[in-house]
Amino acid sequence: MKAAGIVVEYNPFHNGHAYHVQQTRKKTEADCIIAVMSSSFTQRGEPAIVPKWQRASMALAGGVDLVVELPYPFAVQTAELFAHGAISILDALHCEQLCFGSEHGNIESFLQTAQRLIDEQESHNERVKHYMQQGMSYAKAYALALGDISRDALDISQPNNILGLHYVKAIREQRSRMKPETISRIVAHYHDETLPTNDQIASATSIRRFLQSGRAEDIMRYVPHITYETLQTYRMWHDWESYFPLLKYRLLTMEIDDIRRIAEVGEGIEHRLKRAIVHATSFHAFLSAVKTKRYTWTRLQRICTHILTNVTKKEMTQAIEQKRATYIRLLAMNDKGRAYLQTVKKRTALPLITNIKHIQHDPVYHIEKKATQAYLSVLPEPLLTEALRNEYATPPLR
């Protein structure tokens, strides 16, 4: 059997994601589509709108054959480390191809730019440092440095382009045999906050916005029926505002040195966080008060997520030291996914986990466990205790 991999968050699964799955199967002619999916928090440092089990179920209904987890130490990261974690899992599962959506839509540009980055790594790093010393954010400095080493460089101001570039770069750096492919995003842009009136594809950002503003019926035409039904059944839609009291408690009771030890905290931002939290009455107001030219909204959200989950620099360094996942947790599969696993399970480079009791003293899972507990902590009792029990007892969905 031939497998193709995709990297997803499904926050939530919508018609654009269904299109991606369909086009991946068509473009790669794969027998099995494997999705590596972020667990409880996303790459931009946001809580997933519903838990991973619900999103994995949406994925199966939407045409994915096998869903595996991208653990927190890679899921809530810069594009580079996010890509390395995802690629290491798909490679261990012997995927022959990777297919990602992008604004650019031409794989040759990704291949050329990724190779230029690898060849000019030292020069590029120096240029990044140069621009950051001028007060720019890492993302801005990275893009400008890339332009310096290649006039024909890919436009990485677009979020899916930058992720795609790092997928291709990670494939080459890990010496994976996976062949990368890309398809063009259609209609909706990643950051769009409005629902289009003349199409049935909208961004996940706009769908979440309408859900959380109490207009759930407006999203019906933009998501598969199973997504809408799942969202209506779960109803506890997670967002940062629901976690803000917990974040405020954490920051109010932490010493400056404690904040400084948290992953991604640096350059004195701990003082701004400590000052702003006293007066902030909402998460949005808090981040607005802390944001600077150098610290983007996304980076601040990731820092806040690390504070909420109590992930330190030391823990994160240990977990991502090799830039590779250490296990593969199976979340959901259909008959095709199960049949594919039977063909590769004796050849996988990483242990396949169906029961987390089998993970012992793993630095990646140590962080993932804390993140899951923090994510579920906004649930009222007895739902919280029940959700924690299910997290440790639920086998892969079928």
Protein backbone atom coordinates (compact mmCIF):
# COMPACT_ATOMS: atom_id res chain seq x y z
CA MET A 1 0.00 0.00 0.00
CA LYS A 2 1.09 3.55 -0.75
CA ALA A 3 0.64 6.31 1.84
CA ALA A 4 0.67 10.08 1.51
CA GLY A 5 1.03 12.37 4.51
CA ILE A 6 -0.58 15.69 5.39
CA VAL A 7 0.08 18.01 8.36
CA VAL A 8 -3.06 19.46 9.92
CA GLU A 9 -4.72 21.16 12.88
CA TYR A 10 -8.40 20.87 11.85
CA ASN A 11 -9.45 23.72 14.07
CA PRO A 12 -12.14 22.80 13.02
CA PHE A 13 -12.31 20.57 9.91
CA HIS A 14 -13.99 22.52 7.08
CA ASN A 15 -14.71 22.25 3.36
CA GLY A 16 -11.25 23.54 2.44
CA HIS A 17 -9.71 20.69 4.42
CA ALA A 18 -11.97 18.20 2.65
CA TYR A 19 -10.72 19.63 -0.67
CA HIS A 20 -7.11 19.21 0.51
CA VAL A 21 -7.71 15.53 1.38
CA GLN A 22 -9.42 14.88 -1.97
CA GLN A 23 -6.69 16.60 -3.97
CA THR A 24 -3.95 14.81 -2.01
CA ARG A 25 -5.46 11.44 -2.87
CA LYS A 26 -5.86 12.48 -6.50
CA LYS A 27 -2.39 14.03 -6.88
CA THR A 28 -0.47 11.25 -5.12
CA GLU A 29 -2.69 8.27 -6.04
CA ALA A 30 -2.21 7.08 -2.47
CA ASP A 31 -4.10 4.17 -0.96
CA CYS A 32 -3.89 5.68 2.52
CA ILE A 33 -3.96 9.32 3.64
CA ILE A 34 -2.19 9.87 6.97
CA ALA A 35 -2.76 13.11 8.88
CA VAL A 36 -0.40 14.17 11.64
CA MET A 37 -2.56 16.51 13.74
CA SER A 38 -1.71 18.99 16.49
CA SER A 39 -2.98 17.80 19.86
CA SER A 40 -4.56 20.34 22.24
CA PHE A 41 -2.90 23.62 21.22
CA THR A 42 -2.04 24.95 17.77
CA GLN A 43 1.12 26.26 16.18
CA ARG A 44 -0.01 29.87 16.74
CA GLY A 45 -0.37 29.24 20.47
CA GLU A 46 -4.15 28.92 20.61
CA PRO A 47 -6.27 26.26 22.33
CA ALA A 48 -7.94 24.00 19.78
CA ILE A 49 -11.64 24.78 19.60
CA VAL A 50 -12.56 21.19 20.53
CA PRO A 51 -10.40 18.30 21.82
CA LYS A 52 -8.27 16.14 19.55
CA TRP A 53 -10.66 13.18 19.72
CA GLN A 54 -13.49 15.21 18.23
CA ARG A 55 -11.19 16.66 15.55
CA ALA A 56 -9.82 13.20 14.73
CA SER A 57 -13.38 11.96 14.27
CA MET A 58 -14.07 14.87 11.88
CA ALA A 59 -10.94 13.91 9.94
CA LEU A 60 -12.06 10.30 9.44
CA ALA A 61 -15.47 11.48 8.26
CA GLY A 62 -13.70 13.90 5.90
CA GLY A 63 -11.69 11.22 4.08
CA VAL A 64 -8.51 10.79 6.15
CA ASP A 65 -7.58 7.13 6.75
CA LEU A 66 -5.23 7.43 9.72
CA VAL A 67 -4.80 10.26 12.25
CA VAL A 68 -1.75 10.48 14.51
CA GLU A 69 -0.82 13.08 17.10
CA LEU A 70 1.75 15.86 16.75
CA PRO A 71 2.83 16.31 20.39
CA TYR A 72 2.87 19.71 22.07
CA PRO A 73 6.67 20.25 21.99
CA PHE A 74 6.45 20.33 18.17
CA ALA A 75 2.86 21.53 17.72
CA VAL A 76 3.34 24.81 19.64
CA GLN A 77 6.53 25.90 17.97
CA THR A 78 8.16 27.97 15.28
CA ALA A 79 7.49 26.79 11.72
CA GLU A 80 10.91 25.10 11.56
CA LEU A 81 10.44 22.86 14.60
CA PHE A 82 6.76 22.28 13.85
CA ALA A 83 7.81 20.95 10.44
CA HIS A 84 10.63 18.79 11.78
CA GLY A 85 8.33 17.07 14.27
CA ALA A 86 5.62 16.40 11.70
CA ILE A 87 8.02 15.16 9.01
CA SER A 88 9.78 12.82 11.46
CA ILE A 89 6.46 11.13 12.23
CA LEU A 90 5.31 10.81 8.63
CA ASP A 91 8.73 9.53 7.59
CA ALA A 92 8.68 6.93 10.35
CA LEU A 93 5.31 5.77 8.98
CA HIS A 94 6.92 5.30 5.55
CA CYS A 95 4.83 7.87 3.72
CA GLU A 96 6.03 8.09 0.14
CA GLN A 97 4.72 11.62 -0.41
CA LEU A 98 3.78 14.74 1.52
CA CYS A 99 1.11 17.08 0.17
CA PHE A 100 0.59 20.53 1.68
CA GLY A 101 -1.56 23.50 0.77
CA SER A 102 0.16 26.76 -0.10
CA GLU A 103 -0.56 30.21 -1.44
CA HIS A 104 2.16 29.75 -4.06
CA GLY A 105 1.13 26.36 -5.43
CA ASN A 106 4.36 25.51 -7.32
CA ILE A 107 6.55 22.86 -5.71
CA GLU A 108 9.67 23.84 -7.70
CA SER A 109 9.90 27.17 -5.90
CA PHE A 110 9.78 25.40 -2.55
CA LEU A 111 12.49 22.95 -3.59
CA GLN A 112 14.80 25.68 -4.87
CA THR A 113 14.34 28.00 -1.88
CA ALA A 114 14.77 25.17 0.64
CA GLN A 115 18.04 24.10 -1.00
CA ARG A 116 19.29 27.69 -1.03
CA LEU A 117 18.55 27.95 2.70
CA ILE A 118 20.46 24.75 3.39
CA ASP A 119 23.43 25.82 1.24
CA GLU A 120 23.52 29.34 2.71
CA GLN A 121 22.52 28.47 6.28
CA GLU A 122 25.39 30.28 8.00
CA SER A 123 24.98 33.42 5.93
CA HIS A 124 21.22 33.40 6.43
CA ASN A 125 21.57 33.03 10.20
CA GLU A 126 23.92 36.00 10.32
CA ARG A 127 21.46 38.13 8.35
CA VAL A 128 18.63 37.10 10.70
CA LYS A 129 20.69 38.23 13.70
CA HIS A 130 21.49 41.49 11.93
CA TYR A 131 17.84 42.34 11.35
CA MET A 132 16.75 41.26 14.83
CA GLN A 133 19.36 43.59 16.33
CA GLN A 134 17.47 46.36 14.56
CA GLY A 135 14.38 45.49 16.60
CA MET A 136 12.54 43.33 14.08
CA SER A 137 10.55 40.22 14.94
CA TYR A 138 12.10 36.86 14.13
CA ALA A 139 9.55 36.24 11.36
CA LYS A 140 10.29 39.57 9.69
CA ALA A 141 14.05 39.16 10.08
CA TYR A 142 13.86 35.63 8.63
CA ALA A 143 11.97 36.81 5.55
CA LEU A 144 14.34 39.73 4.89
CA ALA A 145 17.39 37.50 5.34
CA LEU A 146 15.95 35.01 2.88
CA GLY A 147 15.52 37.80 0.35
CA ASP A 148 19.16 38.76 0.85
CA ILE A 149 20.46 35.31 -0.09
CA SER A 150 18.01 34.74 -2.95
CA ARG A 151 16.33 37.37 -5.12
CA ASP A 152 13.94 34.73 -6.44
CA ALA A 153 13.06 33.44 -2.98
CA LEU A 154 9.57 32.21 -2.20
CA ASP A 155 7.19 34.75 -0.65
CA ILE A 156 7.16 33.65 2.97
CA SER A 157 4.95 36.47 4.20
CA GLN A 158 2.12 33.98 3.56
CA PRO A 159 1.60 31.50 6.46
CA ASN A 160 1.18 28.34 4.38
CA ASN A 161 4.16 29.19 2.20
CA ILE A 162 6.45 29.45 5.22
CA LEU A 163 5.20 26.15 6.62
CA GLY A 164 5.56 24.47 3.23
CA LEU A 165 9.11 25.75 2.88
CA HIS A 166 10.03 24.25 6.24
CA TYR A 167 8.35 20.94 5.37
CA VAL A 168 10.54 20.68 2.28
CA LYS A 169 13.64 21.79 4.16
CA ALA A 170 12.96 19.26 6.95
CA ILE A 171 12.53 16.46 4.40
CA ARG A 172 15.97 17.23 2.99
CA GLU A 173 17.67 17.74 6.34
CA GLN A 174 16.25 14.48 7.70
CA ARG A 175 17.21 12.73 4.45
CA SER A 176 13.70 11.44 4.09
CA ARG A 177 12.64 9.71 0.90
CA MET A 178 9.29 11.46 0.94
CA LYS A 179 8.49 13.43 -2.18
CA PRO A 180 6.84 16.79 -1.43
CA GLU A 181 3.86 18.07 -3.43
CA THR A 182 1.73 21.18 -3.01
CA ILE A 183 -1.74 22.31 -4.00
CA SER A 184 -2.95 25.90 -4.14
CA ARG A 185 -5.20 27.22 -1.40
CA ILE A 186 -8.46 28.30 -2.96
CA VAL A 187 -10.80 31.20 -2.12
CA ALA A 188 -10.16 31.83 1.60
CA HIS A 189 -6.91 33.15 3.03
CA TYR A 190 -5.56 31.84 6.33
CA HIS A 191 -6.28 35.01 8.33
CA ASP A 192 -9.64 35.90 6.73
CA GLU A 193 -12.19 36.80 9.42
CA THR A 194 -15.26 37.04 7.19
CA LEU A 195 -17.28 34.29 5.54
CA PRO A 196 -17.39 34.51 1.72
CA THR A 197 -20.84 35.00 0.22
CA ASN A 198 -20.20 33.33 -3.13
CA ASP A 199 -18.41 30.14 -2.12
CA GLN A 200 -18.51 27.27 0.37
CA ILE A 201 -14.88 27.47 1.52
CA ALA A 202 -13.98 29.75 4.44
CA SER A 203 -10.92 30.05 6.68
CA ALA A 204 -10.86 28.26 10.04
CA THR A 205 -10.23 31.70 11.60
CA SER A 206 -13.53 33.07 10.30
CA ILE A 207 -15.42 29.91 11.25
CA ARG A 208 -14.15 30.09 14.85
CA ARG A 209 -14.97 33.79 14.99
CA PHE A 210 -18.60 33.23 14.00
CA LEU A 211 -18.96 30.26 16.34
CA GLN A 212 -17.66 32.17 19.32
CA SER A 213 -19.84 35.19 18.57
CA GLY A 214 -22.96 33.02 18.88
CA ARG A 215 -23.66 32.69 15.15
CA ALA A 216 -23.09 28.96 14.70
CA GLU A 217 -25.82 28.64 12.08
CA ASP A 218 -23.83 30.92 9.75
CA ILE A 219 -21.03 28.33 9.35
CA MET A 220 -23.23 25.46 8.12
CA ARG A 221 -22.44 25.87 4.42
CA TYR A 222 -18.68 26.02 5.06
CA VAL A 223 -18.21 22.78 7.01
CA PRO A 224 -19.19 19.13 6.46
CA HIS A 225 -22.31 17.98 8.29
CA ILE A 226 -20.27 15.88 10.76
CA THR A 227 -18.24 18.95 11.77
CA TYR A 228 -21.36 21.01 12.43
CA GLU A 229 -22.98 18.19 14.40
CA THR A 230 -19.80 17.61 16.45
CA LEU A 231 -19.49 21.30 17.28
CA GLN A 232 -23.15 21.47 18.29
CA THR A 233 -22.81 18.36 20.47
CA TYR A 234 -19.62 19.46 22.25
CA ARG A 235 -20.66 23.11 22.72
CA MET A 236 -17.70 23.92 25.03
CA TRP A 237 -15.73 25.81 22.39
CA HIS A 238 -12.26 26.54 23.72
CA ASP A 239 -10.65 29.94 23.20
CA TRP A 240 -8.10 32.06 25.01
CA GLU A 241 -10.69 34.13 26.87
CA SER A 242 -11.92 31.03 28.70
CA TYR A 243 -8.35 30.32 29.84
CA PHE A 244 -7.55 33.93 30.78
CA PRO A 245 -8.43 33.59 34.52
CA LEU A 246 -6.02 30.63 34.75
CA LEU A 247 -3.29 32.53 32.90
CA LYS A 248 -3.82 35.57 35.13
CA TYR A 249 -3.58 33.42 38.25
CA ARG A 250 -0.35 31.87 36.97
CA LEU A 251 1.30 35.21 36.18
CA LEU A 252 0.15 36.92 39.38
CA THR A 253 1.64 34.16 41.53
CA MET A 254 4.86 33.65 39.56
CA GLU A 255 8.10 35.44 40.39
CA ILE A 256 10.01 37.16 37.57
CA ASP A 257 12.68 34.44 37.65
CA ASP A 258 9.96 31.79 37.27
CA ILE A 259 8.56 33.52 34.19
CA ARG A 260 12.07 33.92 32.76
CA ARG A 261 12.52 30.14 32.88
CA ILE A 262 9.44 29.53 30.69
CA ALA A 263 10.01 28.42 27.07
CA GLU A 264 10.39 31.26 24.52
CA VAL A 265 10.55 33.98 27.20
CA GLY A 266 13.52 36.31 26.73
CA GLU A 267 14.84 39.82 26.27
CA GLY A 268 12.95 41.20 29.26
CA ILE A 269 9.44 40.38 28.06
CA GLU A 270 8.79 38.81 31.48
CA HIS A 271 8.63 42.32 33.01
CA ARG A 272 6.03 43.50 30.48
CA LEU A 273 3.97 40.37 31.11
CA LYS A 274 4.09 40.89 34.88
CA ARG A 275 3.11 44.57 34.66
CA ALA A 276 0.33 44.16 32.13
CA ILE A 277 -1.46 41.25 33.79
CA VAL A 278 -2.37 43.32 36.86
CA HIS A 279 -4.65 45.64 34.90
CA ALA A 280 -5.84 43.41 32.04
CA THR A 281 -9.47 42.28 32.13
CA SER A 282 -9.34 40.06 29.04
CA PHE A 283 -6.80 38.06 27.08
CA HIS A 284 -7.11 40.36 24.08
CA ALA A 285 -6.51 43.45 26.22
CA PHE A 286 -3.55 41.75 27.90
CA LEU A 287 -1.79 40.82 24.66
CA SER A 288 -2.51 44.25 23.18
CA ALA A 289 -0.73 45.83 26.15
CA VAL A 290 2.28 43.50 25.90
CA LYS A 291 2.75 43.36 22.12
CA THR A 292 5.80 45.10 20.67
CA LYS A 293 7.32 45.37 17.22
CA ARG A 294 9.67 42.53 18.11
CA TYR A 295 7.17 40.29 19.89
CA THR A 296 4.42 39.32 17.46
CA TRP A 297 0.94 38.31 18.55
CA THR A 298 1.68 34.69 17.59
CA ARG A 299 4.89 34.50 19.62
CA LEU A 300 3.17 36.05 22.63
CA GLN A 301 0.35 33.52 22.35
CA ARG A 302 2.89 30.71 22.35
CA ILE A 303 4.59 32.19 25.41
CA CYS A 304 1.24 32.42 27.18
CA THR A 305 0.52 28.81 26.26
CA HIS A 306 3.88 27.75 27.73
CA ILE A 307 3.09 29.72 30.91
CA LEU A 308 -0.35 28.10 31.14
CA THR A 309 1.12 24.61 30.66
CA ASN A 310 4.22 25.39 32.78
CA VAL A 311 6.71 24.31 30.12
CA THR A 312 10.21 25.52 30.88
CA LYS A 313 13.12 26.19 28.55
CA LYS A 314 14.97 23.21 30.04
CA GLU A 315 12.06 20.83 29.45
CA MET A 316 11.53 22.07 25.91
CA THR A 317 15.22 21.80 25.04
CA GLN A 318 15.31 18.20 26.23
CA ALA A 319 12.18 17.33 24.26
CA ILE A 320 13.19 18.83 20.91
CA GLU A 321 16.96 18.34 21.09
CA GLN A 322 16.96 15.92 18.14
CA LYS A 323 14.23 17.81 16.22
CA ARG A 324 12.38 14.50 15.93
CA ALA A 325 9.40 12.90 17.62
CA THR A 326 10.11 9.96 19.91
CA TYR A 327 6.85 8.03 19.48
CA ILE A 328 3.72 7.90 17.30
CA ARG A 329 0.40 8.10 19.13
CA LEU A 330 -2.50 6.72 17.09
CA LEU A 331 -5.71 8.74 17.41
CA ALA A 332 -8.09 7.39 14.77
CA MET A 333 -8.22 5.06 11.78
CA ASN A 334 -10.60 3.46 9.31
CA ASP A 335 -10.17 0.05 7.67
CA LYS A 336 -7.65 1.42 5.16
CA GLY A 337 -5.62 3.02 7.92
CA ARG A 338 -5.62 -0.18 9.96
CA ALA A 339 -4.62 -2.26 6.93
CA TYR A 340 -1.76 0.13 6.18
CA LEU A 341 -0.49 -0.06 9.77
CA GLN A 342 -0.42 -3.85 9.50
CA THR A 343 1.97 -3.54 6.54
CA VAL A 344 4.42 -1.13 8.21
CA LYS A 345 4.20 -1.65 11.99
CA LYS A 346 7.25 -3.93 12.08
CA ARG A 347 9.29 -1.41 10.08
CA THR A 348 8.42 1.85 11.83
CA ALA A 349 11.39 3.73 13.27
CA LEU A 350 9.30 4.95 16.23
CA PRO A 351 7.09 3.01 18.66
CA LEU A 352 3.38 3.00 17.80
CA ILE A 353 1.36 3.96 20.87
CA THR A 354 -2.29 3.00 21.36
CA ASN A 355 -2.18 3.22 25.16
CA ILE A 356 -0.20 6.03 26.78
CA LYS A 357 0.60 3.77 29.75
CA HIS A 358 3.24 2.33 27.44
CA ILE A 359 5.14 5.64 27.30
CA GLN A 360 7.72 5.70 30.08
CA HIS A 361 9.93 8.65 31.09
CA ASP A 362 9.72 10.34 27.70
CA PRO A 363 10.50 14.11 27.73
CA VAL A 364 8.14 14.72 24.79
CA TYR A 365 5.23 12.96 26.45
CA HIS A 366 6.02 14.62 29.81
CA ILE A 367 5.19 17.97 28.20
CA GLU A 368 2.26 16.59 26.19
CA LYS A 369 0.66 15.27 29.37
CA LYS A 370 0.93 18.65 31.12
CA ALA A 371 -0.52 20.38 28.08
CA THR A 372 -3.50 18.04 27.91
CA GLN A 373 -4.25 18.53 31.60
CA ALA A 374 -4.04 22.31 31.22
CA TYR A 375 -6.27 22.22 28.13
CA LEU A 376 -8.98 20.24 29.94
CA SER A 377 -8.74 22.34 33.12
CA VAL A 378 -11.43 24.82 31.98
CA LEU A 379 -14.08 22.10 32.03
CA PRO A 380 -16.44 22.08 35.04
CA GLU A 381 -16.61 19.06 37.31
CA PRO A 382 -17.46 16.24 36.90
CA LEU A 383 -16.69 16.73 33.19
CA LEU A 384 -13.04 17.54 33.95
CA THR A 385 -12.38 14.30 35.81
CA GLU A 386 -14.26 12.33 33.17
CA ALA A 387 -12.26 13.98 30.35
CA LEU A 388 -8.96 13.26 32.12
CA ARG A 389 -9.98 9.63 32.57
CA ASN A 390 -10.95 9.34 28.89
CA GLU A 391 -7.66 10.88 27.77
CA TYR A 392 -5.75 8.05 29.39
CA ALA A 393 -8.24 5.26 28.56
CA THR A 394 -9.45 6.05 25.04
CA PRO A 395 -8.11 3.70 22.37
CA PRO A 396 -7.73 4.93 18.77
CA LEU A 397 -11.11 5.78 17.25
CA ARG A 398 -12.34 3.47 14.47
